[in-house]
Protein backbone atom coordinates (compact mmCIF):
# COMPACT_ATOMS: atom_id res chain seq x y z
CA UNK A 1 0.00 0.00 0.00
CA UNK A 2 2.85 2.36 0.78
CA UNK A 3 4.25 1.97 -2.74
CA UNK A 4 0.85 2.62 -4.28
CA UNK A 5 0.35 5.68 -2.09
CA UNK A 6 3.80 6.97 -2.97
CA UNK A 7 3.07 6.46 -6.67
CA UNK A 8 -0.20 8.41 -6.42
CA UNK A 9 1.54 11.18 -4.46
CA UNK A 10 4.28 11.36 -7.07
CA UNK A 11 1.79 11.63 -9.95
CA UNK A 12 -0.15 14.30 -8.05
CA UNK A 13 3.06 16.24 -7.39
CA UNK A 14 4.09 16.17 -11.07
CA UNK A 15 0.60 17.26 -12.13
CA UNK A 16 0.45 19.97 -9.46
CA UNK A 17 3.55 21.68 -10.83
CA UNK A 18 3.56 20.50 -14.45
CA UNK A 19 0.07 21.56 -15.54
CA UNK A 20 0.38 25.22 -14.43
CA UNK A 21 3.86 25.42 -15.97
CA UNK A 22 2.55 24.08 -19.27
CA UNK A 23 -0.36 26.54 -19.19
CA UNK A 24 1.98 29.47 -18.55
CA UNK A 25 4.18 28.40 -21.44
CA UNK A 26 1.10 28.03 -23.65
CA UNK A 27 -0.11 31.53 -22.74
CA UNK A 28 3.31 33.05 -23.40
CA UNK A 29 3.43 31.26 -26.73
CA UNK A 30 -0.03 32.56 -27.66
CA UNK A 31 0.95 36.10 -26.73
CA UNK A 32 4.48 36.31 -28.11
CA UNK A 33 5.23 33.16 -30.07
CA UNK A 34 8.68 31.61 -29.92
CA UNK A 35 10.20 34.70 -28.29
CA UNK A 36 13.20 35.00 -26.01
CA UNK A 37 10.83 35.25 -23.04
CA UNK A 38 9.27 31.91 -23.96
CA UNK A 39 12.65 30.17 -24.09
CA UNK A 40 13.86 31.73 -20.82
CA UNK A 41 10.71 30.66 -18.99
CA UNK A 42 10.90 27.21 -20.60
CA UNK A 43 14.51 26.84 -19.43
CA UNK A 44 13.63 27.90 -15.88
CA UNK A 45 10.62 25.56 -15.74
CA UNK A 46 12.74 22.76 -17.20
CA UNK A 47 15.39 23.20 -14.50
CA UNK A 48 12.75 23.28 -11.77
CA UNK A 49 11.13 20.15 -13.22
CA UNK A 50 14.47 18.37 -13.40
CA UNK A 51 15.16 19.25 -9.78
CA UNK A 52 11.73 17.96 -8.80
CA UNK A 53 12.26 14.67 -10.61
CA UNK A 54 15.74 14.18 -9.15
CA UNK A 55 14.53 14.99 -5.63
CA UNK A 56 11.56 12.63 -5.79
CA UNK A 57 13.73 9.89 -7.31
CA UNK A 58 16.26 10.28 -4.51
CA UNK A 59 13.47 10.08 -1.94
CA UNK A 60 12.08 6.94 -3.62
CA UNK A 61 15.50 5.28 -3.59
CA UNK A 62 15.94 6.04 0.11
CA UNK A 63 12.53 4.63 0.99
CA UNK A 64 12.43 1.55 -1.25
CA UNK A 65 16.01 0.94 -2.35
CA UNK A 66 16.84 0.43 -6.00
CA UNK A 67 13.53 -0.77 -7.41
CA UNK A 68 13.91 -3.36 -10.13
CA UNK A 69 17.54 -4.12 -9.40
CA UNK A 70 17.11 -6.77 -6.74
CA UNK A 71 16.92 -10.41 -7.75
CA UNK A 72 14.07 -12.72 -6.95
CA UNK A 73 15.43 -16.09 -5.84
PDB file of N, CA and C in Angstrom:
ATOM      1  N   UNK A   1       0.813  -1.192   0.000  1.00  0.00           N
ATOM      2  CA  UNK A   1       0.000   0.000   0.000  1.00  0.00           C
ATOM      3  C   UNK A   1       0.860   1.261   0.000  1.00  0.00           C
ATOM      4  N   UNK A   2       1.980   1.201   0.710  1.00  0.00           N
ATOM      5  CA  UNK A   2       2.850   2.361   0.777  1.00  0.00           C
ATOM      6  C   UNK A   2       3.392   2.709  -0.612  1.00  0.00           C
ATOM      7  N   UNK A   3       3.747   1.704  -1.393  1.00  0.00           N
ATOM      8  CA  UNK A   3       4.250   1.967  -2.743  1.00  0.00           C
ATOM      9  C   UNK A   3       3.170   2.575  -3.622  1.00  0.00           C
ATOM     10  N   UNK A   4       1.954   2.068  -3.508  1.00  0.00           N
ATOM     11  CA  UNK A   4       0.850   2.622  -4.282  1.00  0.00           C
ATOM     12  C   UNK A   4       0.567   4.064  -3.873  1.00  0.00           C
ATOM     13  N   UNK A   5       0.556   4.316  -2.571  1.00  0.00           N
ATOM     14  CA  UNK A   5       0.353   5.680  -2.086  1.00  0.00           C
ATOM     15  C   UNK A   5       1.458   6.617  -2.538  1.00  0.00           C
ATOM     16  N   UNK A   6       2.683   6.140  -2.520  1.00  0.00           N
ATOM     17  CA  UNK A   6       3.799   6.971  -2.970  1.00  0.00           C
ATOM     18  C   UNK A   6       3.686   7.261  -4.460  1.00  0.00           C
ATOM     19  N   UNK A   7       3.249   6.265  -5.232  1.00  0.00           N
ATOM     20  CA  UNK A   7       3.068   6.465  -6.669  1.00  0.00           C
ATOM     21  C   UNK A   7       1.992   7.518  -6.937  1.00  0.00           C
ATOM     22  N   UNK A   8       0.882   7.439  -6.237  1.00  0.00           N
ATOM     23  CA  UNK A   8      -0.202   8.413  -6.418  1.00  0.00           C
ATOM     24  C   UNK A   8       0.275   9.805  -6.005  1.00  0.00           C
ATOM     25  N   UNK A   9       1.014   9.889  -4.896  1.00  0.00           N
ATOM     26  CA  UNK A   9       1.535  11.178  -4.459  1.00  0.00           C
ATOM     27  C   UNK A   9       2.497  11.761  -5.487  1.00  0.00           C
ATOM     28  N   UNK A  10       3.314  10.900  -6.063  1.00  0.00           N
ATOM     29  CA  UNK A  10       4.279  11.358  -7.065  1.00  0.00           C
ATOM     30  C   UNK A  10       3.582  11.873  -8.316  1.00  0.00           C
ATOM     31  N   UNK A  11       2.555  11.175  -8.789  1.00  0.00           N
ATOM     32  CA  UNK A  11       1.792  11.627  -9.955  1.00  0.00           C
ATOM     33  C   UNK A  11       1.096  12.948  -9.644  1.00  0.00           C
ATOM     34  N   UNK A  12       0.516  13.062  -8.439  1.00  0.00           N
ATOM     35  CA  UNK A  12      -0.147  14.305  -8.054  1.00  0.00           C
ATOM     36  C   UNK A  12       0.855  15.460  -7.993  1.00  0.00           C
ATOM     37  N   UNK A  13       2.047  15.199  -7.493  1.00  0.00           N
ATOM     38  CA  UNK A  13       3.062  16.240  -7.393  1.00  0.00           C
ATOM     39  C   UNK A  13       3.495  16.720  -8.779  1.00  0.00           C
ATOM     40  N   UNK A  14       3.709  15.786  -9.715  1.00  0.00           N
ATOM     41  CA  UNK A  14       4.085  16.174 -11.068  1.00  0.00           C
ATOM     42  C   UNK A  14       2.969  16.959 -11.739  1.00  0.00           C
ATOM     43  N   UNK A  15       1.724  16.546 -11.533  1.00  0.00           N
ATOM     44  CA  UNK A  15       0.598  17.260 -12.130  1.00  0.00           C
ATOM     45  C   UNK A  15       0.412  18.636 -11.489  1.00  0.00           C
ATOM     46  N   UNK A  16       0.624  18.715 -10.192  1.00  0.00           N
ATOM     47  CA  UNK A  16       0.453  19.972  -9.463  1.00  0.00           C
ATOM     48  C   UNK A  16       1.384  21.066  -9.989  1.00  0.00           C
ATOM     49  N   UNK A  17       2.594  20.695 -10.333  1.00  0.00           N
ATOM     50  CA  UNK A  17       3.552  21.679 -10.828  1.00  0.00           C
ATOM     51  C   UNK A  17       3.678  21.679 -12.351  1.00  0.00           C
ATOM     52  N   UNK A  18       3.393  20.579 -13.002  1.00  0.00           N
ATOM     53  CA  UNK A  18       3.556  20.496 -14.447  1.00  0.00           C
ATOM     54  C   UNK A  18       2.446  21.161 -15.239  1.00  0.00           C
ATOM     55  N   UNK A  19       1.202  20.986 -14.794  1.00  0.00           N
ATOM     56  CA  UNK A  19       0.069  21.557 -15.538  1.00  0.00           C
ATOM     57  C   UNK A  19       0.103  23.087 -15.528  1.00  0.00           C
ATOM     58  N   UNK A  20       0.290  23.745 -14.380  1.00  0.00           N
ATOM     59  CA  UNK A  20       0.381  25.217 -14.428  1.00  0.00           C
ATOM     60  C   UNK A  20       1.575  25.723 -15.250  1.00  0.00           C
ATOM     61  N   UNK A  21       2.693  25.009 -15.182  1.00  0.00           N
ATOM     62  CA  UNK A  21       3.857  25.424 -15.972  1.00  0.00           C
ATOM     63  C   UNK A  21       3.562  25.313 -17.460  1.00  0.00           C
ATOM     64  N   UNK A  22       2.901  24.238 -17.862  1.00  0.00           N
ATOM     65  CA  UNK A  22       2.546  24.081 -19.273  1.00  0.00           C
ATOM     66  C   UNK A  22       1.549  25.146 -19.709  1.00  0.00           C
ATOM     67  N   UNK A  23       0.610  25.488 -18.843  1.00  0.00           N
ATOM     68  CA  UNK A  23      -0.356  26.540 -19.189  1.00  0.00           C
ATOM     69  C   UNK A  23       0.313  27.907 -19.327  1.00  0.00           C
ATOM     70  N   UNK A  24       1.253  28.199 -18.442  1.00  0.00           N
ATOM     71  CA  UNK A  24       1.979  29.472 -18.548  1.00  0.00           C
ATOM     72  C   UNK A  24       2.767  29.519 -19.854  1.00  0.00           C
ATOM     73  N   UNK A  25       3.443  28.429 -20.181  1.00  0.00           N
ATOM     74  CA  UNK A  25       4.183  28.399 -21.444  1.00  0.00           C
ATOM     75  C   UNK A  25       3.245  28.545 -22.640  1.00  0.00           C
ATOM     76  N   UNK A  26       2.074  27.920 -22.567  1.00  0.00           N
ATOM     77  CA  UNK A  26       1.095  28.034 -23.654  1.00  0.00           C
ATOM     78  C   UNK A  26       0.612  29.473 -23.801  1.00  0.00           C
ATOM     79  N   UNK A  27       0.341  30.146 -22.683  1.00  0.00           N
ATOM     80  CA  UNK A  27      -0.115  31.533 -22.745  1.00  0.00           C
ATOM     81  C   UNK A  27       0.979  32.462 -23.276  1.00  0.00           C
ATOM     82  N   UNK A  28       2.206  32.237 -22.874  1.00  0.00           N
ATOM     83  CA  UNK A  28       3.311  33.050 -23.399  1.00  0.00           C
ATOM     84  C   UNK A  28       3.452  32.813 -24.898  1.00  0.00           C
ATOM     85  N   UNK A  29       3.321  31.569 -25.314  1.00  0.00           N
ATOM     86  CA  UNK A  29       3.427  31.256 -26.735  1.00  0.00           C
ATOM     87  C   UNK A  29       2.286  31.905 -27.524  1.00  0.00           C
ATOM     88  N   UNK A  30       1.092  31.896 -26.974  1.00  0.00           N
ATOM     89  CA  UNK A  30      -0.025  32.560 -27.656  1.00  0.00           C
ATOM     90  C   UNK A  30       0.202  34.062 -27.780  1.00  0.00           C
ATOM     91  N   UNK A  31       0.757  34.653 -26.736  1.00  0.00           N
ATOM     92  CA  UNK A  31       0.952  36.097 -26.731  1.00  0.00           C
ATOM     93  C   UNK A  31       2.148  36.563 -27.542  1.00  0.00           C
ATOM     94  N   UNK A  32       3.250  35.834 -27.497  1.00  0.00           N
ATOM     95  CA  UNK A  32       4.477  36.309 -28.111  1.00  0.00           C
ATOM     96  C   UNK A  32       5.128  35.325 -29.072  1.00  0.00           C
ATOM     97  N   UNK A  33       4.617  34.143 -29.169  1.00  0.00           N
ATOM     98  CA  UNK A  33       5.227  33.160 -30.067  1.00  0.00           C
ATOM     99  C   UNK A  33       6.505  32.613 -29.476  1.00  0.00           C
ATOM    100  N   UNK A  34       7.417  32.212 -30.356  1.00  0.00           N
ATOM    101  CA  UNK A  34       8.679  31.609 -29.923  1.00  0.00           C
ATOM    102  C   UNK A  34       9.693  32.696 -29.573  1.00  0.00           C
ATOM    103  N   UNK A  35       9.346  33.566 -28.645  1.00  0.00           N
ATOM    104  CA  UNK A  35      10.202  34.698 -28.288  1.00  0.00           C
ATOM    105  C   UNK A  35      11.283  34.278 -27.294  1.00  0.00           C
ATOM    106  N   UNK A  36      12.137  35.231 -26.990  1.00  0.00           N
ATOM    107  CA  UNK A  36      13.198  34.995 -26.008  1.00  0.00           C
ATOM    108  C   UNK A  36      12.575  34.734 -24.638  1.00  0.00           C
ATOM    109  N   UNK A  37      11.508  35.456 -24.314  1.00  0.00           N
ATOM    110  CA  UNK A  37      10.826  35.252 -23.040  1.00  0.00           C
ATOM    111  C   UNK A  37      10.326  33.810 -22.911  1.00  0.00           C
ATOM    112  N   UNK A  38       9.760  33.280 -23.976  1.00  0.00           N
ATOM    113  CA  UNK A  38       9.273  31.907 -23.956  1.00  0.00           C
ATOM    114  C   UNK A  38      10.406  30.940 -23.636  1.00  0.00           C
ATOM    115  N   UNK A  39      11.547  31.097 -24.290  1.00  0.00           N
ATOM    116  CA  UNK A  39      12.652  30.168 -24.091  1.00  0.00           C
ATOM    117  C   UNK A  39      13.287  30.318 -22.720  1.00  0.00           C
ATOM    118  N   UNK A  40      13.326  31.543 -22.171  1.00  0.00           N
ATOM    119  CA  UNK A  40      13.859  31.732 -20.818  1.00  0.00           C
ATOM    120  C   UNK A  40      12.960  31.055 -19.794  1.00  0.00           C
ATOM    121  N   UNK A  41      11.657  31.281 -19.926  1.00  0.00           N
ATOM    122  CA  UNK A  41      10.712  30.659 -18.995  1.00  0.00           C
ATOM    123  C   UNK A  41      10.735  29.132 -19.152  1.00  0.00           C
ATOM    124  N   UNK A  42      10.836  28.651 -20.370  1.00  0.00           N
ATOM    125  CA  UNK A  42      10.904  27.207 -20.603  1.00  0.00           C
ATOM    126  C   UNK A  42      12.159  26.616 -19.962  1.00  0.00           C
ATOM    127  N   UNK A  43      13.276  27.323 -20.047  1.00  0.00           N
ATOM    128  CA  UNK A  43      14.510  26.838 -19.428  1.00  0.00           C
ATOM    129  C   UNK A  43      14.394  26.814 -17.905  1.00  0.00           C
ATOM    130  N   UNK A  44      13.804  27.856 -17.332  1.00  0.00           N
ATOM    131  CA  UNK A  44      13.629  27.899 -15.875  1.00  0.00           C
ATOM    132  C   UNK A  44      12.693  26.784 -15.420  1.00  0.00           C
ATOM    133  N   UNK A  45      11.555  26.622 -16.101  1.00  0.00           N
ATOM    134  CA  UNK A  45      10.619  25.561 -15.741  1.00  0.00           C
ATOM    135  C   UNK A  45      11.251  24.180 -15.949  1.00  0.00           C
ATOM    136  N   UNK A  46      12.068  24.030 -16.971  1.00  0.00           N
ATOM    137  CA  UNK A  46      12.742  22.762 -17.196  1.00  0.00           C
ATOM    138  C   UNK A  46      13.713  22.423 -16.081  1.00  0.00           C
ATOM    139  N   UNK A  47      14.459  23.426 -15.605  1.00  0.00           N
ATOM    140  CA  UNK A  47      15.392  23.195 -14.505  1.00  0.00           C
ATOM    141  C   UNK A  47      14.650  22.870 -13.208  1.00  0.00           C
ATOM    142  N   UNK A  48      13.551  23.569 -12.957  1.00  0.00           N
ATOM    143  CA  UNK A  48      12.748  23.277 -11.765  1.00  0.00           C
ATOM    144  C   UNK A  48      12.173  21.868 -11.857  1.00  0.00           C
ATOM    145  N   UNK A  49      11.674  21.501 -13.032  1.00  0.00           N
ATOM    146  CA  UNK A  49      11.126  20.154 -13.220  1.00  0.00           C
ATOM    147  C   UNK A  49      12.187  19.081 -13.055  1.00  0.00           C
ATOM    148  N   UNK A  50      13.375  19.325 -13.568  1.00  0.00           N
ATOM    149  CA  UNK A  50      14.467  18.369 -13.402  1.00  0.00           C
ATOM    150  C   UNK A  50      14.830  18.215 -11.932  1.00  0.00           C
ATOM    151  N   UNK A  51      14.883  19.316 -11.208  1.00  0.00           N
ATOM    152  CA  UNK A  51      15.162  19.248  -9.777  1.00  0.00           C
ATOM    153  C   UNK A  51      14.088  18.487  -9.026  1.00  0.00           C
ATOM    154  N   UNK A  52      12.837  18.687  -9.420  1.00  0.00           N
ATOM    155  CA  UNK A  52      11.730  17.959  -8.799  1.00  0.00           C
ATOM    156  C   UNK A  52      11.847  16.460  -9.037  1.00  0.00           C
ATOM    157  N   UNK A  53      12.133  16.089 -10.280  1.00  0.00           N
ATOM    158  CA  UNK A  53      12.263  14.669 -10.614  1.00  0.00           C
ATOM    159  C   UNK A  53      13.441  14.048  -9.877  1.00  0.00           C
ATOM    160  N   UNK A  54      14.565  14.729  -9.834  1.00  0.00           N
ATOM    161  CA  UNK A  54      15.738  14.182  -9.147  1.00  0.00           C
ATOM    162  C   UNK A  54      15.501  14.058  -7.647  1.00  0.00           C
ATOM    163  N   UNK A  55      14.825  15.041  -7.062  1.00  0.00           N
ATOM    164  CA  UNK A  55      14.529  14.990  -5.632  1.00  0.00           C
ATOM    165  C   UNK A  55      13.583  13.861  -5.276  1.00  0.00           C
ATOM    166  N   UNK A  56      12.521  13.692  -6.062  1.00  0.00           N
ATOM    167  CA  UNK A  56      11.557  12.632  -5.785  1.00  0.00           C
ATOM    168  C   UNK A  56      12.192  11.259  -6.038  1.00  0.00           C
ATOM    169  N   UNK A  57      13.040  11.152  -7.046  1.00  0.00           N
ATOM    170  CA  UNK A  57      13.727   9.887  -7.315  1.00  0.00           C
ATOM    171  C   UNK A  57      14.674   9.533  -6.164  1.00  0.00           C
ATOM    172  N   UNK A  58      15.379  10.520  -5.648  1.00  0.00           N
ATOM    173  CA  UNK A  58      16.263  10.281  -4.505  1.00  0.00           C
ATOM    174  C   UNK A  58      15.462   9.832  -3.287  1.00  0.00           C
ATOM    175  N   UNK A  59      14.331  10.464  -3.056  1.00  0.00           N
ATOM    176  CA  UNK A  59      13.467  10.080  -1.942  1.00  0.00           C
ATOM    177  C   UNK A  59      12.952   8.649  -2.116  1.00  0.00           C
ATOM    178  N   UNK A  60      12.557   8.309  -3.349  1.00  0.00           N
ATOM    179  CA  UNK A  60      12.083   6.943  -3.624  1.00  0.00           C
ATOM    180  C   UNK A  60      13.183   5.927  -3.361  1.00  0.00           C
ATOM    181  N   UNK A  61      14.391   6.219  -3.804  1.00  0.00           N
ATOM    182  CA  UNK A  61      15.500   5.281  -3.593  1.00  0.00           C
ATOM    183  C   UNK A  61      15.830   5.111  -2.115  1.00  0.00           C
ATOM    184  N   UNK A  62      15.685   6.163  -1.325  1.00  0.00           N
ATOM    185  CA  UNK A  62      15.939   6.040   0.111  1.00  0.00           C
ATOM    186  C   UNK A  62      14.861   5.206   0.799  1.00  0.00           C
ATOM    187  N   UNK A  63      13.626   5.347   0.345  1.00  0.00           N
ATOM    188  CA  UNK A  63      12.531   4.627   0.992  1.00  0.00           C
ATOM    189  C   UNK A  63      12.468   3.165   0.562  1.00  0.00           C
ATOM    190  N   UNK A  64      12.657   2.889  -0.721  1.00  0.00           N
ATOM    191  CA  UNK A  64      12.427   1.553  -1.245  1.00  0.00           C
ATOM    192  C   UNK A  64      13.692   0.849  -1.716  1.00  0.00           C
ATOM    193  N   UNK A  65      14.805   1.521  -1.765  1.00  0.00           N
ATOM    194  CA  UNK A  65      16.007   0.937  -2.348  1.00  0.00           C
ATOM    195  C   UNK A  65      15.937   1.049  -3.861  1.00  0.00           C
ATOM    196  N   UNK A  66      16.836   0.395  -4.538  1.00  0.00           N
ATOM    197  CA  UNK A  66      16.838   0.432  -6.002  1.00  0.00           C
ATOM    198  C   UNK A  66      15.762  -0.519  -6.519  1.00  0.00           C
ATOM    199  N   UNK A  67      14.651   0.035  -6.931  1.00  0.00           N
ATOM    200  CA  UNK A  67      13.533  -0.772  -7.408  1.00  0.00           C
ATOM    201  C   UNK A  67      13.901  -1.387  -8.750  1.00  0.00           C
ATOM    202  N   UNK A  68      13.648  -2.678  -8.877  1.00  0.00           N
ATOM    203  CA  UNK A  68      13.914  -3.357 -10.127  1.00  0.00           C
ATOM    204  C   UNK A  68      15.311  -3.917 -10.253  1.00  0.00           C
ATOM    205  N   UNK A  69      16.160  -3.641  -9.302  1.00  0.00           N
ATOM    206  CA  UNK A  69      17.542  -4.123  -9.398  1.00  0.00           C
ATOM    207  C   UNK A  69      17.802  -5.324  -8.502  1.00  0.00           C
ATOM    208  N   UNK A  70      16.894  -5.610  -7.594  1.00  0.00           N
ATOM    209  CA  UNK A  70      17.110  -6.773  -6.744  1.00  0.00           C
ATOM    210  C   UNK A  70      16.651  -8.034  -7.466  1.00  0.00           C
ATOM    211  N   UNK A  71      17.249  -9.137  -7.107  1.00  0.00           N
ATOM    212  CA  UNK A  71      16.921 -10.410  -7.752  1.00  0.00           C
ATOM    213  C   UNK A  71      15.892 -11.153  -6.923  1.00  0.00           C
ATOM    214  N   UNK A  72      15.033 -11.843  -7.607  1.00  0.00           N
ATOM    215  CA  UNK A  72      14.073 -12.718  -6.945  1.00  0.00           C
ATOM    216  C   UNK A  72      14.647 -14.125  -7.010  1.00  0.00           C
ATOM    217  N   UNK A  73      14.811 -14.772  -5.876  1.00  0.00           N
ATOM    218  CA  UNK A  73      15.433 -16.091  -5.843  1.00  0.00           C
ATOM    219  C   UNK A  73      14.429 -17.145  -5.543  1.00  0.00           C
TER     220      UNK A  73
END
